[in-house]
């Protein structure tokens, strides 16, 4: 957990944070109802970010290769 795994708003750019993946994993065990739905929404956001990054890198690879 290089980022610090701290479940709070960071006070600055170099302060500790909790990544989306760590947030999902750490809280899924005791989440219920709306909390669980929020964690599922977080996983959808993470999936979309990864999908966009992969598509952009794939397009960049096609242009340079």
N, C-alpha and C. Protein backbone atom coordinates (compact mmCIF):
# COMPACT_ATOMS: atom_id res chain seq x y z
N UNK A 1 0.83 -1.19 0.00
CA UNK A 1 0.00 0.00 0.00
C UNK A 1 0.88 1.25 0.00
N UNK A 2 1.45 1.53 -1.11
CA UNK A 2 2.36 2.66 -1.25
C UNK A 2 1.63 3.99 -1.03
N UNK A 3 0.36 4.05 -1.41
CA UNK A 3 -0.38 5.30 -1.31
C UNK A 3 -0.76 5.66 0.12
N UNK A 4 -0.66 4.74 1.05
CA UNK A 4 -0.94 5.04 2.45
C UNK A 4 -2.16 4.36 3.02
N UNK A 5 -3.12 3.97 2.15
CA UNK A 5 -4.34 3.29 2.58
C UNK A 5 -5.06 4.01 3.71
N UNK A 6 -5.26 5.30 3.56
CA UNK A 6 -5.94 6.11 4.57
C UNK A 6 -7.31 6.52 4.05
N UNK A 7 -8.34 6.16 4.76
CA UNK A 7 -9.71 6.45 4.34
C UNK A 7 -10.13 7.84 4.80
N UNK A 8 -9.52 8.84 4.22
CA UNK A 8 -9.88 10.23 4.52
C UNK A 8 -9.46 11.11 3.36
N UNK A 9 -10.00 12.30 3.31
CA UNK A 9 -9.63 13.23 2.24
C UNK A 9 -8.20 13.70 2.48
N UNK A 10 -7.35 13.64 1.46
CA UNK A 10 -5.96 14.07 1.64
C UNK A 10 -5.87 15.59 1.82
N UNK A 11 -4.96 16.02 2.68
CA UNK A 11 -4.77 17.45 2.92
C UNK A 11 -3.90 18.08 1.85
N UNK A 12 -3.19 17.27 1.09
CA UNK A 12 -2.33 17.80 0.04
C UNK A 12 -2.04 16.73 -1.00
N UNK A 13 -1.30 17.12 -2.02
CA UNK A 13 -1.01 16.22 -3.12
C UNK A 13 -0.11 15.06 -2.70
N UNK A 14 0.74 15.26 -1.72
CA UNK A 14 1.68 14.24 -1.29
C UNK A 14 1.24 13.50 -0.02
N UNK A 15 0.02 13.71 0.42
CA UNK A 15 -0.51 13.02 1.61
C UNK A 15 -1.07 11.66 1.24
N UNK A 16 -1.26 10.80 2.22
CA UNK A 16 -1.76 9.45 1.98
C UNK A 16 -3.20 9.44 1.51
N UNK A 17 -3.52 8.47 0.66
CA UNK A 17 -4.87 8.28 0.13
C UNK A 17 -5.20 6.79 0.14
N UNK A 18 -6.41 6.46 -0.24
CA UNK A 18 -6.80 5.05 -0.42
C UNK A 18 -7.21 4.89 -1.88
N UNK A 19 -6.63 3.92 -2.55
CA UNK A 19 -6.96 3.68 -3.95
C UNK A 19 -8.36 3.08 -4.07
N UNK A 20 -8.94 3.16 -5.27
CA UNK A 20 -10.27 2.62 -5.49
C UNK A 20 -10.31 1.12 -5.21
N UNK A 21 -9.29 0.40 -5.68
CA UNK A 21 -9.24 -1.04 -5.47
C UNK A 21 -9.17 -1.39 -3.99
N UNK A 22 -8.31 -0.71 -3.26
CA UNK A 22 -8.18 -0.97 -1.82
C UNK A 22 -9.47 -0.62 -1.09
N UNK A 23 -10.14 0.43 -1.52
CA UNK A 23 -11.41 0.81 -0.90
C UNK A 23 -12.45 -0.28 -1.07
N UNK A 24 -12.55 -0.83 -2.27
CA UNK A 24 -13.52 -1.89 -2.53
C UNK A 24 -13.22 -3.13 -1.69
N UNK A 25 -11.97 -3.54 -1.69
CA UNK A 25 -11.59 -4.76 -0.98
C UNK A 25 -11.73 -4.61 0.53
N UNK A 26 -11.30 -3.50 1.08
CA UNK A 26 -11.34 -3.30 2.53
C UNK A 26 -12.75 -3.19 3.09
N UNK A 27 -13.69 -2.67 2.32
CA UNK A 27 -15.02 -2.40 2.85
C UNK A 27 -16.09 -3.38 2.41
N UNK A 28 -15.81 -4.23 1.43
CA UNK A 28 -16.85 -5.13 0.92
C UNK A 28 -17.31 -6.16 1.95
N UNK A 29 -16.44 -6.54 2.86
CA UNK A 29 -16.78 -7.57 3.84
C UNK A 29 -17.90 -7.19 4.79
N UNK A 30 -18.03 -5.94 5.14
CA UNK A 30 -19.06 -5.53 6.10
C UNK A 30 -20.08 -4.57 5.50
N UNK A 31 -20.03 -4.36 4.19
CA UNK A 31 -20.97 -3.44 3.54
C UNK A 31 -22.34 -4.08 3.40
N UNK A 32 -23.37 -3.28 3.54
CA UNK A 32 -24.74 -3.75 3.35
C UNK A 32 -25.54 -2.68 2.60
N UNK A 33 -26.48 -3.12 1.84
CA UNK A 33 -27.44 -2.31 1.12
C UNK A 33 -26.80 -1.16 0.34
N UNK A 34 -27.03 0.07 0.75
CA UNK A 34 -26.56 1.23 -0.01
C UNK A 34 -25.03 1.30 -0.06
N UNK A 35 -24.38 0.91 1.01
CA UNK A 35 -22.92 0.90 1.05
C UNK A 35 -22.37 -0.08 0.02
N UNK A 36 -22.97 -1.26 -0.07
CA UNK A 36 -22.54 -2.26 -1.05
C UNK A 36 -22.78 -1.74 -2.47
N UNK A 37 -23.90 -1.08 -2.69
CA UNK A 37 -24.19 -0.51 -4.01
C UNK A 37 -23.19 0.57 -4.38
N UNK A 38 -22.77 1.36 -3.40
CA UNK A 38 -21.75 2.39 -3.65
C UNK A 38 -20.41 1.74 -4.01
N UNK A 39 -20.07 0.64 -3.38
CA UNK A 39 -18.84 -0.06 -3.70
C UNK A 39 -18.90 -0.69 -5.09
N UNK A 40 -20.05 -1.19 -5.48
CA UNK A 40 -20.22 -1.72 -6.82
C UNK A 40 -20.11 -0.60 -7.85
N UNK A 41 -20.66 0.56 -7.54
CA UNK A 41 -20.52 1.71 -8.43
C UNK A 41 -19.05 2.14 -8.54
N UNK A 42 -18.33 2.06 -7.44
CA UNK A 42 -16.90 2.36 -7.46
C UNK A 42 -16.16 1.39 -8.37
N UNK A 43 -16.54 0.12 -8.33
CA UNK A 43 -15.89 -0.86 -9.20
C UNK A 43 -16.22 -0.60 -10.67
N UNK A 44 -17.41 -0.12 -10.97
CA UNK A 44 -17.77 0.23 -12.34
C UNK A 44 -16.93 1.41 -12.81
N UNK A 45 -16.75 2.40 -11.97
CA UNK A 45 -15.91 3.55 -12.30
C UNK A 45 -14.47 3.10 -12.56
N UNK A 46 -13.96 2.25 -11.72
CA UNK A 46 -12.60 1.72 -11.90
C UNK A 46 -12.50 0.96 -13.21
N UNK A 47 -13.49 0.14 -13.53
CA UNK A 47 -13.50 -0.61 -14.78
C UNK A 47 -13.48 0.32 -15.98
N UNK A 48 -14.29 1.38 -15.94
CA UNK A 48 -14.34 2.34 -17.06
C UNK A 48 -13.00 3.05 -17.21
N UNK A 49 -12.37 3.47 -16.12
CA UNK A 49 -11.05 4.10 -16.19
C UNK A 49 -10.05 3.17 -16.85
N UNK A 50 -10.02 1.93 -16.44
CA UNK A 50 -9.08 0.96 -17.00
C UNK A 50 -9.37 0.72 -18.48
N UNK A 51 -10.65 0.62 -18.83
CA UNK A 51 -11.03 0.42 -20.22
C UNK A 51 -10.57 1.59 -21.09
N UNK A 52 -10.77 2.81 -20.62
CA UNK A 52 -10.36 4.00 -21.38
C UNK A 52 -8.84 4.03 -21.55
N UNK A 53 -8.11 3.74 -20.49
CA UNK A 53 -6.66 3.74 -20.57
C UNK A 53 -6.19 2.68 -21.57
N UNK A 54 -6.77 1.48 -21.52
CA UNK A 54 -6.40 0.43 -22.46
C UNK A 54 -6.71 0.80 -23.90
N UNK A 55 -7.86 1.41 -24.14
CA UNK A 55 -8.21 1.83 -25.49
C UNK A 55 -7.26 2.90 -26.01
N UNK A 56 -6.93 3.87 -25.16
CA UNK A 56 -6.01 4.93 -25.57
C UNK A 56 -4.62 4.38 -25.88
N UNK A 57 -4.15 3.47 -25.06
CA UNK A 57 -2.84 2.87 -25.32
C UNK A 57 -2.86 2.00 -26.56
N UNK A 58 -3.96 1.33 -26.82
CA UNK A 58 -4.08 0.52 -28.02
C UNK A 58 -4.06 1.42 -29.27
N UNK A 59 -4.75 2.53 -29.23
CA UNK A 59 -4.73 3.48 -30.35
C UNK A 59 -3.34 4.07 -30.54
N UNK A 60 -2.67 4.39 -29.46
CA UNK A 60 -1.32 4.93 -29.55
C UNK A 60 -0.35 3.92 -30.14
N UNK A 61 -0.53 2.67 -29.78
CA UNK A 61 0.34 1.60 -30.32
C UNK A 61 0.12 1.42 -31.83
N UNK A 62 -1.12 1.52 -32.26
CA UNK A 62 -1.41 1.40 -33.70
C UNK A 62 -0.78 2.54 -34.50
N UNK A 63 -0.80 3.74 -33.94
CA UNK A 63 -0.22 4.90 -34.65
C UNK A 63 1.29 4.82 -34.77
N UNK A 64 1.94 4.37 -33.69
CA UNK A 64 3.40 4.33 -33.69
C UNK A 64 3.95 3.05 -34.33
N UNK A 65 3.16 2.02 -34.44
CA UNK A 65 3.64 0.74 -34.95
C UNK A 65 3.25 0.52 -36.32
